[in-house]
Amino acid sequence: MHIHGLIEDSAALANLCSRFANKPYICVDTEFMRENSYWPELCLIQIADDEEAAAIDPMGGIDMQPLLDLLVDNEDVLKVFHAGGQDIEIVYNLTGKTPHPLFDTQVAAMALGQGEQIGYSNLVDTYLGITVDKGARFTDWSRRPLDKRQIDYAICDVTYLSQIFPKMLDKLRKTGRGAWLDQEMERLADPENYRNDPDQAWQRVRVSSRKPEVLGRLKALGRWRELEAQGKDLPRGRIIKDETLADLAGNPPRKQADLARVRGLSPAWGGNDIGGRLMAAIEGAKPMSAAELPPRDDRKPALGKDGALVADLLKLLLKIRAKEINVAARLLARSDDLEALAAGVREDLSILEGWRFEQFGRDALQLVEGQLGFTVRNGKLKMTRTEEPSS
């Protein structure tokens, strides 16, 4: 494989992207910093196929458009990531689009029985027998110049991935599980996952109250904090911490001067501009509408004692089935779906559709309906049919 030097020139990047645009797949990774900012600061992009690889420096005024076009507008090239959520978020922030089509090797590993969140180092060791050097893992990627060891470390992320992806794809084809991943990959590529909607920011904050007026204030405060953080490019917690936001929603101050006595706020907020904007958010808040109120935990769904026991049996069935077919349990079913099934829900459940129904959902449904049970044989749990399912 040809490894390019650090690409800092627009023409060199355009030439690289023109070659990659005709390849069946490319592997992508990023290095970024976000400890001190709201928006992740993109410091390096690594890209490779099976013939060449490069690291690209986006911090020196290089024209990134050819690369961004390749990632979000070229539907003929598959974009391969490992645990790519944050990488995809960065691309979305830059373009308003997500890479598509995409393939995430961490998700694919779930279908191959390699755990629910296999790390990159373990993946490389499993497929290539190589121990990844983690020496530059905590480097400050925003500092320039980058030395050769840092660049080599970063490029290895995609050169190894370009070797792993074909091996993983071959396994998926042999097991017939490639189609299992289509829905998961489309979910990862959904732009809605990466859109920061200030009106939904309140959902990040835990609060015990369900009073419409409290949640209405929390929504207003969540929006205010999100816009402040975006405008100042600071982490949300640097503006105000979650627990302080929740406390203000539940115990709103009567006047701005009272902010000086709120734990977690600077006394200066009692008279400065940001304190004034916070008070304006509180004063302009309206009670949350009934349609927006979150469901009670005890009604999500309304299980009751017997239903909770059924949900536990479904979780046991899930563990057994996941082990039998060697797939990560989380790929087969989520707890919310199991609890909904136990509570009587039969529509809009992923476990009752497609391959999930064939591999797990049918048995889960029959267990709930009394057509499937557990027995112990030779010290091992086994599933037994209690009656033939109705046609």
Protein backbone atom coordinates (compact mmCIF):
# COMPACT_ATOMS: atom_id res chain seq x y z
CA MET A 1 0.00 0.00 0.00
CA HIS A 2 1.24 3.47 -0.87
CA ILE A 3 1.20 5.82 2.12
CA HIS A 4 1.18 9.49 1.17
CA GLY A 5 2.80 12.19 3.22
CA LEU A 6 0.57 14.58 5.12
CA ILE A 7 -1.67 16.27 2.56
CA GLU A 8 -1.74 20.03 3.07
CA ASP A 9 -2.26 21.11 -0.53
CA SER A 10 -5.65 21.57 -2.20
CA ALA A 11 -4.53 20.21 -5.57
CA ALA A 12 -3.07 17.07 -3.99
CA LEU A 13 -6.32 16.47 -2.11
CA ALA A 14 -8.42 16.96 -5.23
CA ASN A 15 -6.27 14.43 -7.13
CA LEU A 16 -6.54 11.93 -4.28
CA CYS A 17 -10.32 12.31 -4.11
CA SER A 18 -10.68 11.88 -7.87
CA ARG A 19 -9.01 8.47 -7.58
CA PHE A 20 -11.02 7.43 -4.54
CA ALA A 21 -14.23 8.47 -6.32
CA ASN A 22 -13.89 5.43 -8.57
CA LYS A 23 -13.23 2.88 -5.84
CA PRO A 24 -15.87 0.51 -4.38
CA TYR A 25 -15.08 1.56 -0.81
CA ILE A 26 -12.95 3.89 1.27
CA CYS A 27 -12.10 3.73 4.96
CA VAL A 28 -12.44 6.94 6.94
CA ASP A 29 -11.36 8.13 10.37
CA THR A 30 -10.90 11.51 12.02
CA GLU A 31 -8.91 13.05 14.83
CA PHE A 32 -10.57 15.91 16.64
CA MET A 33 -10.65 17.90 19.87
CA ARG A 34 -13.85 18.79 21.69
CA GLU A 35 -12.90 19.19 25.35
CA ASN A 36 -13.01 22.98 25.18
CA SER A 37 -15.60 23.64 22.49
CA TYR A 38 -19.22 22.97 21.61
CA TRP A 39 -18.39 22.03 18.03
CA PRO A 40 -15.75 19.32 17.65
CA GLU A 41 -12.61 20.82 16.15
CA LEU A 42 -11.57 18.71 13.18
CA CYS A 43 -7.79 18.30 13.25
CA LEU A 44 -7.06 15.45 10.85
CA ILE A 45 -8.89 13.18 8.40
CA GLN A 46 -7.48 9.81 7.39
CA ILE A 47 -8.69 7.99 4.31
CA ALA A 48 -7.65 4.76 2.58
CA ASP A 49 -8.66 2.04 0.16
CA ASP A 50 -6.79 -1.18 -0.55
CA GLU A 51 -4.05 0.59 -2.53
CA GLU A 52 -3.27 3.95 -0.95
CA ALA A 53 -3.79 5.92 2.25
CA ALA A 54 -3.32 9.47 3.41
CA ALA A 55 -3.82 11.84 6.30
CA ILE A 56 -5.28 15.23 5.39
CA ASP A 57 -4.69 18.40 7.41
CA PRO A 58 -7.88 20.51 7.44
CA MET A 59 -6.38 23.23 9.65
CA GLY A 60 -4.12 25.00 7.14
CA GLY A 61 -6.62 26.51 4.72
CA ILE A 62 -6.86 23.53 2.39
CA ASP A 63 -9.97 23.30 0.18
CA MET A 64 -11.87 20.38 1.72
CA GLN A 65 -14.77 20.43 -0.73
CA PRO A 66 -13.58 17.52 -2.95
CA LEU A 67 -13.33 15.29 0.11
CA LEU A 68 -16.67 16.39 1.53
CA ASP A 69 -18.33 15.82 -1.85
CA LEU A 70 -16.82 12.33 -1.95
CA LEU A 71 -18.16 11.54 1.52
CA VAL A 72 -21.72 12.85 1.24
CA ASP A 73 -22.58 13.04 -2.47
CA ASN A 74 -20.92 10.02 -4.07
CA GLU A 75 -23.42 7.18 -3.70
CA ASP A 76 -21.20 4.71 -5.57
CA VAL A 77 -18.49 4.59 -2.92
CA LEU A 78 -19.12 2.80 0.38
CA LYS A 79 -17.70 4.69 3.36
CA VAL A 80 -16.30 2.40 6.06
CA PHE A 81 -15.92 3.55 9.68
CA HIS A 82 -15.29 1.91 13.02
CA ALA A 83 -17.59 3.21 15.78
CA GLY A 84 -18.14 6.12 13.43
CA GLY A 85 -20.78 8.14 15.29
CA GLN A 86 -18.52 11.05 16.15
CA ASP A 87 -16.81 11.00 12.75
CA ILE A 88 -20.22 11.13 11.06
CA GLU A 89 -21.28 13.98 13.36
CA ILE A 90 -18.27 16.03 12.24
CA VAL A 91 -19.10 15.50 8.57
CA TYR A 92 -22.71 16.45 9.28
CA ASN A 93 -21.64 19.65 11.04
CA LEU A 94 -19.56 20.61 8.00
CA THR A 95 -22.09 19.73 5.30
CA GLY A 96 -25.55 19.25 6.79
CA LYS A 97 -25.40 15.73 5.34
CA THR A 98 -24.10 12.35 6.47
CA PRO A 99 -21.79 9.96 4.61
CA HIS A 100 -23.84 7.52 2.55
CA PRO A 101 -23.79 4.64 1.94
CA LEU A 102 -21.82 3.67 5.02
CA PHE A 103 -20.61 0.59 6.86
CA ASP A 104 -19.58 0.49 10.51
CA THR A 105 -17.30 -2.38 11.46
CA GLN A 106 -18.27 -2.17 15.14
CA VAL A 107 -21.90 -2.77 14.25
CA ALA A 108 -20.96 -5.52 11.79
CA ALA A 109 -18.97 -7.24 14.52
CA MET A 110 -22.21 -7.59 16.49
CA ALA A 111 -23.66 -9.73 13.70
CA LEU A 112 -20.55 -11.90 13.76
CA GLY A 113 -20.69 -12.61 17.48
CA GLN A 114 -17.74 -10.40 18.39
CA GLY A 115 -19.41 -8.46 21.18
CA GLU A 116 -21.64 -5.41 21.36
CA GLN A 117 -18.94 -2.74 21.33
CA ILE A 118 -15.68 -4.27 20.22
CA GLY A 119 -12.87 -1.73 20.34
CA TYR A 120 -10.69 -0.92 17.37
CA SER A 121 -7.57 -2.43 18.94
CA ASN A 122 -9.36 -5.72 19.64
CA LEU A 123 -10.77 -5.77 16.11
CA VAL A 124 -7.29 -5.34 14.63
CA ASP A 125 -5.90 -8.07 16.87
CA THR A 126 -8.77 -10.44 15.99
CA TYR A 127 -8.53 -10.04 12.21
CA LEU A 128 -4.87 -9.18 11.63
CA GLY A 129 -3.04 -10.43 14.72
CA ILE A 130 -1.47 -6.97 15.15
CA THR A 131 -1.13 -5.07 18.42
CA VAL A 132 -2.03 -1.43 17.89
CA ASP A 133 0.41 1.16 19.25
CA LYS A 134 -1.64 3.40 21.55
CA GLY A 135 1.19 5.79 22.30
CA ALA A 136 -0.32 8.76 20.46
CA ARG A 137 -3.87 8.11 21.60
CA PHE A 138 -4.13 11.16 23.85
CA THR A 139 -2.15 13.54 21.68
CA ASP A 140 -3.23 17.15 21.15
CA TRP A 141 -4.20 16.88 17.51
CA SER A 142 -4.70 20.63 17.17
CA ARG A 143 -1.04 21.45 17.76
CA ARG A 144 1.18 21.98 14.76
CA PRO A 145 3.44 20.67 13.43
CA LEU A 146 2.40 17.04 13.78
CA ASP A 147 5.37 14.70 13.99
CA LYS A 148 5.85 11.52 11.97
CA ARG A 149 4.83 9.24 14.86
CA GLN A 150 1.50 11.02 15.23
CA ILE A 151 0.76 10.86 11.50
CA ASP A 152 1.77 7.20 11.27
CA TYR A 153 -0.45 6.38 14.25
CA ALA A 154 -3.42 8.15 12.66
CA ILE A 155 -2.98 6.57 9.22
CA CYS A 156 -2.79 3.08 10.74
CA ASP A 157 -6.43 3.47 11.78
CA VAL A 158 -7.53 3.37 8.14
CA THR A 159 -4.83 1.13 6.67
CA TYR A 160 -5.75 -1.63 9.10
CA LEU A 161 -9.44 -0.99 8.52
CA SER A 162 -8.94 -1.36 4.76
CA GLN A 163 -7.56 -4.86 5.39
CA ILE A 164 -10.23 -5.81 7.94
CA PHE A 165 -13.27 -4.71 5.94
CA PRO A 166 -12.93 -7.26 3.08
CA LYS A 167 -12.37 -10.07 5.59
CA MET A 168 -15.43 -9.01 7.55
CA LEU A 169 -17.50 -8.69 4.40
CA ASP A 170 -16.49 -12.20 3.36
CA LYS A 171 -17.63 -13.58 6.72
CA LEU A 172 -20.94 -11.77 6.46
CA ARG A 173 -21.53 -13.22 3.00
CA LYS A 174 -20.68 -16.74 4.14
CA THR A 175 -23.03 -16.50 7.13
CA GLY A 176 -25.76 -14.76 5.15
CA ARG A 177 -25.93 -11.98 7.72
CA GLY A 178 -25.07 -9.01 5.56
CA ALA A 179 -28.75 -8.16 5.07
CA TRP A 180 -29.18 -8.05 8.85
CA LEU A 181 -27.10 -4.87 8.92
CA ASP A 182 -28.92 -2.82 6.30
CA GLN A 183 -31.36 -1.31 8.77
CA GLU A 184 -28.64 -0.59 11.31
CA MET A 185 -26.45 1.17 8.76
CA GLU A 186 -29.34 3.28 7.51
CA ARG A 187 -30.10 4.26 11.09
CA LEU A 188 -26.49 5.35 11.57
CA ALA A 189 -26.70 7.43 8.39
CA ASP A 190 -29.93 9.20 9.40
CA PRO A 191 -29.11 12.93 9.62
CA GLU A 192 -31.64 13.37 12.42
CA ASN A 193 -29.25 11.54 14.76
CA TYR A 194 -26.74 14.36 14.43
CA ARG A 195 -28.94 17.44 14.35
CA ASN A 196 -28.68 19.55 17.51
CA ASP A 197 -32.19 20.91 17.94
CA PRO A 198 -32.21 23.47 20.79
CA ASP A 199 -35.90 22.73 21.40
CA GLN A 200 -35.03 19.11 22.23
CA ALA A 201 -31.98 19.88 24.37
CA TRP A 202 -34.00 19.59 27.61
CA GLN A 203 -34.18 15.85 27.08
CA ARG A 204 -30.49 15.62 27.99
CA VAL A 205 -31.25 16.73 31.54
CA ARG A 206 -32.59 14.38 34.19
CA VAL A 207 -35.38 15.79 36.32
CA SER A 208 -37.78 13.88 38.55
CA SER A 209 -40.77 16.21 38.21
CA ARG A 210 -43.43 15.74 35.56
CA LYS A 211 -45.21 18.99 36.30
CA PRO A 212 -45.92 20.81 33.02
CA GLU A 213 -44.66 24.12 34.40
CA VAL A 214 -41.36 22.61 35.58
CA LEU A 215 -40.77 20.80 32.29
CA GLY A 216 -41.75 23.92 30.38
CA ARG A 217 -39.08 25.89 32.21
CA LEU A 218 -36.59 23.07 31.63
CA LYS A 219 -37.33 23.16 27.90
CA ALA A 220 -36.83 26.92 27.81
CA LEU A 221 -33.62 26.70 29.83
CA GLY A 222 -32.32 23.83 27.71
CA ARG A 223 -32.88 25.87 24.56
CA TRP A 224 -31.24 28.92 26.13
CA ARG A 225 -28.16 26.94 27.19
CA GLU A 226 -27.83 25.26 23.79
CA LEU A 227 -27.88 28.59 21.97
CA GLU A 228 -25.43 30.13 24.43
CA ALA A 229 -23.07 27.17 24.04
CA GLN A 230 -23.32 27.26 20.24
CA GLY A 231 -22.79 31.02 20.10
CA LYS A 232 -19.75 30.93 22.39
CA ASP A 233 -18.51 27.56 21.02
CA LEU A 234 -18.20 26.19 24.54
CA PRO A 235 -19.27 22.83 26.01
CA ARG A 236 -22.76 22.94 27.53
CA GLY A 237 -21.39 22.26 30.97
CA ARG A 238 -19.18 25.33 30.76
CA ILE A 239 -22.29 27.48 30.42
CA ILE A 240 -24.23 25.79 33.21
CA LYS A 241 -24.24 22.22 34.52
CA ASP A 242 -27.20 19.87 34.16
CA GLU A 243 -27.95 19.71 37.88
CA THR A 244 -28.05 23.51 38.14
CA LEU A 245 -30.34 23.71 35.12
CA ALA A 246 -32.70 21.16 36.68
CA ASP A 247 -32.67 23.04 39.99
CA LEU A 248 -33.56 26.31 38.30
CA ALA A 249 -36.41 24.63 36.44
CA GLY A 250 -37.84 23.26 39.69
CA ASN A 251 -37.09 26.29 41.86
CA PRO A 252 -37.07 29.33 39.61
CA PRO A 253 -35.64 32.57 41.05
CA ARG A 254 -38.05 35.47 41.37
CA LYS A 255 -35.59 38.11 40.18
CA GLN A 256 -32.16 38.17 38.58
CA ALA A 257 -30.44 39.19 41.79
CA ASP A 258 -31.41 35.81 43.24
CA LEU A 259 -29.07 34.10 40.75
CA ALA A 260 -26.14 35.29 42.86
CA ARG A 261 -27.19 32.77 45.50
CA VAL A 262 -27.73 29.80 43.19
CA ARG A 263 -25.23 27.02 43.74
CA GLY A 264 -23.26 26.39 40.59
CA LEU A 265 -23.53 29.95 39.25
CA SER A 266 -21.11 32.81 39.63
CA PRO A 267 -22.42 35.63 41.87
CA ALA A 268 -21.86 37.93 38.89
CA TRP A 269 -24.86 36.35 37.17
CA GLY A 270 -27.03 38.32 39.56
CA GLY A 271 -26.40 41.41 37.45
CA ASN A 272 -24.66 40.56 34.18
CA ASP A 273 -25.97 40.04 30.66
CA ILE A 274 -25.90 36.23 30.63
CA GLY A 275 -27.88 36.19 33.87
CA GLY A 276 -30.37 38.51 32.24
CA ARG A 277 -30.77 36.19 29.28
CA LEU A 278 -31.26 33.24 31.63
CA MET A 279 -34.02 35.10 33.49
CA ALA A 280 -35.67 36.03 30.19
CA ALA A 281 -35.76 32.33 29.30
CA ILE A 282 -37.40 31.45 32.61
CA GLU A 283 -39.92 34.28 32.41
CA GLY A 284 -40.85 33.40 28.83
CA ALA A 285 -41.33 29.70 29.55
CA LYS A 286 -44.77 28.16 29.07
CA PRO A 287 -46.04 24.93 30.66
CA MET A 288 -45.25 21.92 28.53
CA SER A 289 -48.18 20.67 26.50
CA ALA A 290 -49.71 17.29 27.27
CA ALA A 291 -48.55 16.01 23.88
CA GLU A 292 -44.91 16.80 24.73
CA LEU A 293 -44.89 15.41 28.25
CA PRO A 294 -42.62 12.39 28.52
CA PRO A 295 -44.31 9.09 29.41
CA ARG A 296 -44.14 7.97 33.00
CA ASP A 297 -41.52 5.30 33.56
CA ASP A 298 -44.19 3.06 35.04
CA ARG A 299 -46.20 3.40 31.85
CA LYS A 300 -43.38 2.63 29.42
CA PRO A 301 -45.07 0.26 29.01
CA ALA A 302 -47.50 -0.56 31.86
CA LEU A 303 -46.06 -3.92 32.77
CA GLY A 304 -47.27 -4.59 36.28
CA LYS A 305 -45.68 -7.37 38.33
CA ASP A 306 -46.66 -10.21 36.02
CA GLY A 307 -45.59 -8.28 32.93
CA ALA A 308 -42.22 -7.53 34.50
CA LEU A 309 -41.70 -11.25 35.07
CA VAL A 310 -42.60 -11.97 31.44
CA ALA A 311 -40.09 -9.30 30.34
CA ASP A 312 -37.43 -11.03 32.44
CA LEU A 313 -38.24 -14.33 30.71
CA LEU A 314 -37.91 -12.62 27.33
CA LYS A 315 -34.50 -11.29 28.32
CA LEU A 316 -33.48 -14.82 29.30
CA LEU A 317 -34.73 -16.11 25.96
CA LEU A 318 -32.74 -13.36 24.24
CA LYS A 319 -29.52 -14.44 25.97
CA ILE A 320 -30.09 -18.05 25.00
CA ARG A 321 -30.88 -17.25 21.37
CA ALA A 322 -27.99 -14.79 21.01
CA LYS A 323 -25.60 -17.44 22.29
CA GLU A 324 -27.07 -20.10 20.01
CA ILE A 325 -26.64 -18.10 16.82
CA ASN A 326 -23.50 -16.27 17.97
CA VAL A 327 -24.72 -12.71 17.62
CA ALA A 328 -24.68 -9.75 20.01
CA ALA A 329 -27.95 -9.66 21.95
CA ARG A 330 -28.35 -5.91 21.41
CA LEU A 331 -28.47 -6.42 17.66
CA LEU A 332 -31.34 -8.89 18.05
CA ALA A 333 -33.53 -6.90 20.43
CA ARG A 334 -33.59 -3.95 22.80
CA SER A 335 -35.03 -3.91 26.28
CA ASP A 336 -37.76 -1.44 25.30
CA ASP A 337 -39.04 -3.84 22.64
CA LEU A 338 -39.06 -6.76 25.07
CA GLU A 339 -40.98 -4.78 27.68
CA ALA A 340 -43.45 -3.58 25.07
CA LEU A 341 -44.03 -7.15 23.87
CA ALA A 342 -44.55 -8.30 27.46
CA ALA A 343 -47.10 -5.51 27.93
CA GLY A 344 -49.16 -6.63 24.95
CA VAL A 345 -47.83 -4.42 22.18
CA ARG A 346 -47.81 -6.17 18.81
CA GLU A 347 -47.24 -3.35 16.32
CA ASP A 348 -44.20 -1.28 15.34
CA LEU A 349 -41.75 -3.57 17.10
CA SER A 350 -38.54 -4.34 15.22
CA ILE A 351 -38.41 -7.86 16.73
CA LEU A 352 -41.66 -8.72 14.93
CA GLU A 353 -40.30 -7.75 11.52
CA GLY A 354 -37.84 -9.13 9.00
CA TRP A 355 -34.82 -11.14 10.03
CA ARG A 356 -35.28 -10.31 13.72
CA PHE A 357 -38.65 -12.04 13.67
CA GLU A 358 -37.16 -15.11 12.03
CA GLN A 359 -34.21 -15.32 14.40
CA PHE A 360 -35.86 -14.28 17.67
CA GLY A 361 -39.23 -12.55 17.44
CA ARG A 362 -41.27 -15.63 16.57
CA ASP A 363 -40.03 -17.48 19.65
CA ALA A 364 -40.46 -14.37 21.79
CA LEU A 365 -44.06 -14.04 20.68
CA GLN A 366 -44.75 -17.71 21.32
CA LEU A 367 -43.21 -17.45 24.79
CA VAL A 368 -45.51 -14.54 25.65
CA GLU A 369 -48.52 -16.41 24.26
CA GLY A 370 -47.76 -19.58 26.21
CA GLN A 371 -46.60 -21.70 23.28
CA LEU A 372 -42.98 -21.85 24.38
CA GLY A 373 -41.44 -22.68 27.74
CA PHE A 374 -38.16 -23.46 29.45
CA THR A 375 -36.92 -26.77 30.76
CA VAL A 376 -33.67 -27.83 32.36
CA ARG A 377 -31.91 -30.78 30.75
CA ASN A 378 -28.54 -31.99 31.95
CA GLY A 379 -28.11 -28.77 33.85
CA LYS A 380 -28.77 -26.58 30.79
CA LEU A 381 -31.75 -24.41 29.93
CA LYS A 382 -33.65 -25.54 26.86
CA MET A 383 -36.69 -24.16 25.07
CA THR A 384 -39.65 -26.49 24.57
CA ARG A 385 -42.88 -26.15 22.65
CA THR A 386 -45.91 -26.39 24.90
CA GLU A 387 -48.32 -26.52 21.98
CA GLU A 388 -48.28 -26.04 18.24
CA PRO A 389 -48.60 -22.37 17.26
CA SER A 390 -51.81 -21.49 15.53
CA SER A 391 -51.57 -21.04 11.78
